[in-house]
N, C-alpha and C. Protein backbone atom coordinates (compact mmCIF):
# COMPACT_ATOMS: atom_id res chain seq x y z
N MET A 1 21.17 -17.40 3.52
CA MET A 1 21.61 -16.03 3.70
C MET A 1 22.49 -15.63 2.53
N THR A 2 22.29 -14.41 2.08
CA THR A 2 23.10 -13.84 1.01
C THR A 2 23.83 -12.64 1.59
N LYS A 3 25.12 -12.53 1.28
CA LYS A 3 25.93 -11.43 1.82
C LYS A 3 26.69 -10.77 0.68
N PHE A 4 26.74 -9.44 0.71
CA PHE A 4 27.50 -8.70 -0.30
C PHE A 4 27.92 -7.35 0.26
N LYS A 5 28.82 -6.68 -0.45
CA LYS A 5 29.24 -5.33 -0.11
C LYS A 5 28.80 -4.40 -1.23
N GLY A 6 28.35 -3.19 -0.83
CA GLY A 6 27.92 -2.22 -1.82
C GLY A 6 28.12 -0.81 -1.33
N SER A 7 28.09 0.11 -2.26
CA SER A 7 28.28 1.53 -1.96
C SER A 7 26.93 2.19 -1.69
N VAL A 8 26.89 3.05 -0.68
CA VAL A 8 25.66 3.76 -0.32
C VAL A 8 25.46 4.91 -1.31
N LYS A 9 24.27 4.94 -1.91
CA LYS A 9 23.90 5.97 -2.88
C LYS A 9 22.67 6.70 -2.36
N LYS A 10 22.28 7.77 -3.07
CA LYS A 10 21.12 8.55 -2.63
C LYS A 10 20.30 8.97 -3.84
N PHE A 11 18.98 8.71 -3.76
CA PHE A 11 18.07 9.26 -4.75
C PHE A 11 17.92 10.74 -4.47
N SER A 12 17.79 11.55 -5.49
CA SER A 12 17.56 12.98 -5.26
C SER A 12 16.06 13.23 -5.13
N GLY A 13 15.71 14.36 -4.60
CA GLY A 13 14.30 14.72 -4.45
C GLY A 13 14.02 15.33 -3.10
N LYS A 14 12.74 15.61 -2.85
CA LYS A 14 12.33 16.23 -1.59
C LYS A 14 12.71 15.39 -0.38
N ALA A 15 12.43 14.09 -0.47
CA ALA A 15 12.74 13.17 0.64
C ALA A 15 13.68 12.09 0.10
N PRO A 16 14.96 12.41 -0.05
CA PRO A 16 15.89 11.46 -0.67
C PRO A 16 16.08 10.19 0.15
N TRP A 17 16.10 9.08 -0.55
CA TRP A 17 16.36 7.78 0.08
C TRP A 17 17.83 7.45 -0.09
N PHE A 18 18.41 6.86 0.94
CA PHE A 18 19.74 6.29 0.84
C PHE A 18 19.54 4.80 0.59
N TYR A 19 20.37 4.22 -0.25
CA TYR A 19 20.16 2.82 -0.63
C TYR A 19 21.46 2.18 -1.10
N VAL A 20 21.40 0.85 -1.24
CA VAL A 20 22.50 0.07 -1.80
C VAL A 20 21.89 -0.83 -2.87
N ASP A 21 22.49 -0.82 -4.06
CA ASP A 21 22.03 -1.72 -5.13
C ASP A 21 22.39 -3.15 -4.79
N VAL A 22 21.46 -4.07 -5.08
CA VAL A 22 21.73 -5.50 -4.91
C VAL A 22 22.23 -6.02 -6.25
N PRO A 23 23.40 -6.66 -6.29
CA PRO A 23 23.90 -7.20 -7.55
C PRO A 23 22.87 -8.14 -8.19
N LYS A 24 22.67 -7.98 -9.50
CA LYS A 24 21.66 -8.77 -10.22
C LYS A 24 21.77 -10.26 -9.96
N GLU A 25 22.99 -10.76 -9.92
CA GLU A 25 23.19 -12.21 -9.75
C GLU A 25 22.77 -12.70 -8.36
N LEU A 26 22.55 -11.80 -7.42
CA LEU A 26 22.16 -12.19 -6.06
C LEU A 26 20.65 -12.10 -5.83
N ILE A 27 19.90 -11.59 -6.81
CA ILE A 27 18.45 -11.52 -6.66
C ILE A 27 17.90 -12.94 -6.67
N PRO A 28 17.18 -13.32 -5.60
CA PRO A 28 16.70 -14.70 -5.52
C PRO A 28 15.67 -15.02 -6.61
N LYS A 29 15.79 -16.20 -7.16
CA LYS A 29 14.85 -16.69 -8.17
C LYS A 29 13.82 -17.58 -7.48
N GLY A 30 12.62 -17.58 -7.98
CA GLY A 30 11.59 -18.49 -7.48
C GLY A 30 11.02 -18.15 -6.12
N VAL A 31 11.23 -16.92 -5.66
CA VAL A 31 10.62 -16.49 -4.39
C VAL A 31 9.43 -15.59 -4.71
N PRO A 32 8.43 -15.58 -3.83
CA PRO A 32 7.26 -14.74 -4.10
C PRO A 32 7.62 -13.26 -4.20
N ARG A 33 6.96 -12.58 -5.12
CA ARG A 33 7.13 -11.14 -5.29
C ARG A 33 5.75 -10.49 -5.27
N SER A 34 5.71 -9.26 -4.81
CA SER A 34 4.44 -8.53 -4.88
C SER A 34 4.18 -8.18 -6.35
N ARG A 35 3.00 -7.70 -6.62
CA ARG A 35 2.71 -7.36 -8.02
C ARG A 35 3.57 -6.18 -8.50
N TRP A 36 4.19 -5.46 -7.59
CA TRP A 36 5.09 -4.37 -7.96
C TRP A 36 6.54 -4.83 -8.01
N GLY A 37 6.81 -6.09 -7.70
CA GLY A 37 8.16 -6.63 -7.78
C GLY A 37 8.95 -6.62 -6.49
N PHE A 38 8.30 -6.22 -5.36
CA PHE A 38 8.99 -6.25 -4.07
C PHE A 38 9.25 -7.69 -3.66
N ILE A 39 10.40 -7.95 -3.05
CA ILE A 39 10.76 -9.27 -2.53
C ILE A 39 10.97 -9.12 -1.03
N ARG A 40 10.10 -9.72 -0.22
CA ARG A 40 10.21 -9.64 1.25
C ARG A 40 11.54 -10.22 1.69
N ALA A 41 12.19 -9.55 2.65
CA ALA A 41 13.49 -10.01 3.13
C ALA A 41 13.75 -9.51 4.54
N ASP A 42 14.55 -10.27 5.27
CA ASP A 42 15.13 -9.81 6.53
C ASP A 42 16.52 -9.33 6.15
N ILE A 43 16.89 -8.17 6.64
CA ILE A 43 18.12 -7.51 6.23
C ILE A 43 18.97 -7.19 7.45
N LYS A 44 20.29 -7.31 7.29
CA LYS A 44 21.20 -6.98 8.39
C LYS A 44 22.36 -6.16 7.86
N VAL A 45 22.62 -5.05 8.55
CA VAL A 45 23.78 -4.20 8.28
C VAL A 45 24.44 -3.96 9.63
N GLY A 46 25.69 -4.35 9.76
CA GLY A 46 26.37 -4.22 11.05
C GLY A 46 25.64 -5.04 12.10
N ASN A 47 25.23 -4.39 13.19
CA ASN A 47 24.48 -5.08 14.25
C ASN A 47 22.98 -4.82 14.18
N THR A 48 22.54 -4.17 13.10
CA THR A 48 21.13 -3.81 12.96
C THR A 48 20.44 -4.74 11.98
N ARG A 49 19.31 -5.31 12.43
CA ARG A 49 18.54 -6.23 11.59
C ARG A 49 17.09 -5.76 11.55
N TRP A 50 16.47 -5.84 10.37
CA TRP A 50 15.08 -5.44 10.22
C TRP A 50 14.42 -6.20 9.08
N SER A 51 13.10 -6.19 9.05
CA SER A 51 12.32 -6.79 7.97
C SER A 51 11.92 -5.70 7.00
N SER A 52 12.12 -5.96 5.72
CA SER A 52 11.79 -4.99 4.69
C SER A 52 11.60 -5.73 3.38
N SER A 53 12.01 -5.12 2.30
CA SER A 53 11.92 -5.74 0.97
C SER A 53 13.10 -5.30 0.13
N LEU A 54 13.43 -6.16 -0.84
CA LEU A 54 14.31 -5.75 -1.92
C LEU A 54 13.37 -5.01 -2.87
N LEU A 55 13.68 -3.76 -3.16
CA LEU A 55 12.78 -2.90 -3.91
C LEU A 55 13.22 -2.81 -5.37
N PRO A 56 12.25 -2.88 -6.30
CA PRO A 56 12.61 -2.86 -7.72
C PRO A 56 13.01 -1.46 -8.20
N LYS A 57 13.96 -1.46 -9.16
CA LYS A 57 14.41 -0.21 -9.78
C LYS A 57 14.93 -0.52 -11.18
N LYS A 58 14.14 -0.22 -12.18
CA LYS A 58 14.56 -0.39 -13.58
C LYS A 58 15.17 -1.76 -13.86
N GLY A 59 14.45 -2.82 -13.49
CA GLY A 59 14.91 -4.17 -13.76
C GLY A 59 15.91 -4.72 -12.76
N GLU A 60 16.28 -3.91 -11.78
CA GLU A 60 17.20 -4.35 -10.73
C GLU A 60 16.50 -4.16 -9.39
N HIS A 61 17.21 -4.40 -8.30
CA HIS A 61 16.65 -4.20 -6.96
C HIS A 61 17.65 -3.46 -6.08
N PHE A 62 17.11 -2.82 -5.05
CA PHE A 62 17.96 -2.12 -4.09
C PHE A 62 17.39 -2.32 -2.69
N ILE A 63 18.23 -2.03 -1.69
CA ILE A 63 17.82 -2.07 -0.28
C ILE A 63 17.90 -0.65 0.25
N ALA A 64 16.77 -0.14 0.73
CA ALA A 64 16.72 1.19 1.32
C ALA A 64 17.31 1.15 2.73
N LEU A 65 18.07 2.16 3.08
CA LEU A 65 18.68 2.26 4.41
C LEU A 65 18.00 3.38 5.19
N LYS A 66 17.24 3.00 6.22
CA LYS A 66 16.54 3.99 7.04
C LYS A 66 17.53 4.90 7.76
N ALA A 67 17.08 6.12 8.04
CA ALA A 67 17.92 7.08 8.76
C ALA A 67 18.38 6.52 10.10
N SER A 68 17.48 5.83 10.80
CA SER A 68 17.84 5.28 12.12
C SER A 68 18.95 4.24 12.00
N THR A 69 18.92 3.44 10.95
CA THR A 69 19.97 2.44 10.73
C THR A 69 21.29 3.12 10.38
N ARG A 70 21.23 4.10 9.49
CA ARG A 70 22.45 4.82 9.10
C ARG A 70 23.09 5.49 10.30
N LYS A 71 22.27 6.10 11.15
CA LYS A 71 22.79 6.79 12.33
C LYS A 71 23.41 5.79 13.31
N LYS A 72 22.68 4.72 13.60
CA LYS A 72 23.16 3.71 14.55
C LYS A 72 24.47 3.07 14.11
N GLU A 73 24.58 2.82 12.79
CA GLU A 73 25.76 2.14 12.26
C GLU A 73 26.84 3.09 11.74
N GLY A 74 26.58 4.40 11.81
CA GLY A 74 27.57 5.38 11.34
C GLY A 74 27.81 5.33 9.84
N ILE A 75 26.73 5.16 9.07
CA ILE A 75 26.82 5.01 7.62
C ILE A 75 26.52 6.33 6.94
N GLY A 76 27.35 6.68 5.96
CA GLY A 76 27.14 7.90 5.19
C GLY A 76 27.16 7.64 3.70
N LEU A 77 26.78 8.63 2.95
CA LEU A 77 26.78 8.57 1.49
C LEU A 77 28.18 8.22 0.99
N GLY A 78 28.24 7.23 0.09
CA GLY A 78 29.52 6.81 -0.49
C GLY A 78 30.24 5.72 0.29
N ASP A 79 29.80 5.45 1.52
CA ASP A 79 30.42 4.38 2.31
C ASP A 79 30.17 3.02 1.66
N THR A 80 31.09 2.11 1.86
CA THR A 80 30.88 0.72 1.45
C THR A 80 30.42 -0.04 2.68
N VAL A 81 29.29 -0.73 2.54
CA VAL A 81 28.73 -1.48 3.66
C VAL A 81 28.55 -2.94 3.27
N GLU A 82 28.62 -3.80 4.29
CA GLU A 82 28.33 -5.21 4.09
C GLU A 82 26.89 -5.46 4.50
N ILE A 83 26.13 -6.07 3.63
CA ILE A 83 24.71 -6.35 3.85
C ILE A 83 24.46 -7.83 3.74
N SER A 84 23.67 -8.35 4.67
CA SER A 84 23.18 -9.73 4.59
C SER A 84 21.67 -9.67 4.46
N PHE A 85 21.11 -10.61 3.67
CA PHE A 85 19.65 -10.69 3.60
C PHE A 85 19.20 -12.13 3.42
N TRP A 86 17.97 -12.37 3.92
CA TRP A 86 17.34 -13.68 3.84
C TRP A 86 15.94 -13.48 3.26
N CYS A 87 15.56 -14.28 2.29
CA CYS A 87 14.22 -14.18 1.69
C CYS A 87 13.39 -15.41 2.01
């Protein structure tokens, strides 16, 4: 399990995504990746756990936060959240 804290950010656009950047040093090495660079992971924020991926972004990765998770956990733009993930 990997655990870190990060700030919630938002991509702009028609359907903006809320996300947290994963620190480069925490990106797992030697795990399978899709041809697009996705890394399958189980993710936990607060009491909410789900299966998703670490998503690539310009040589780094981020974790997208679904609206249902943000609502359930009371997470907003700019909040600092603790995230755990397993690959």
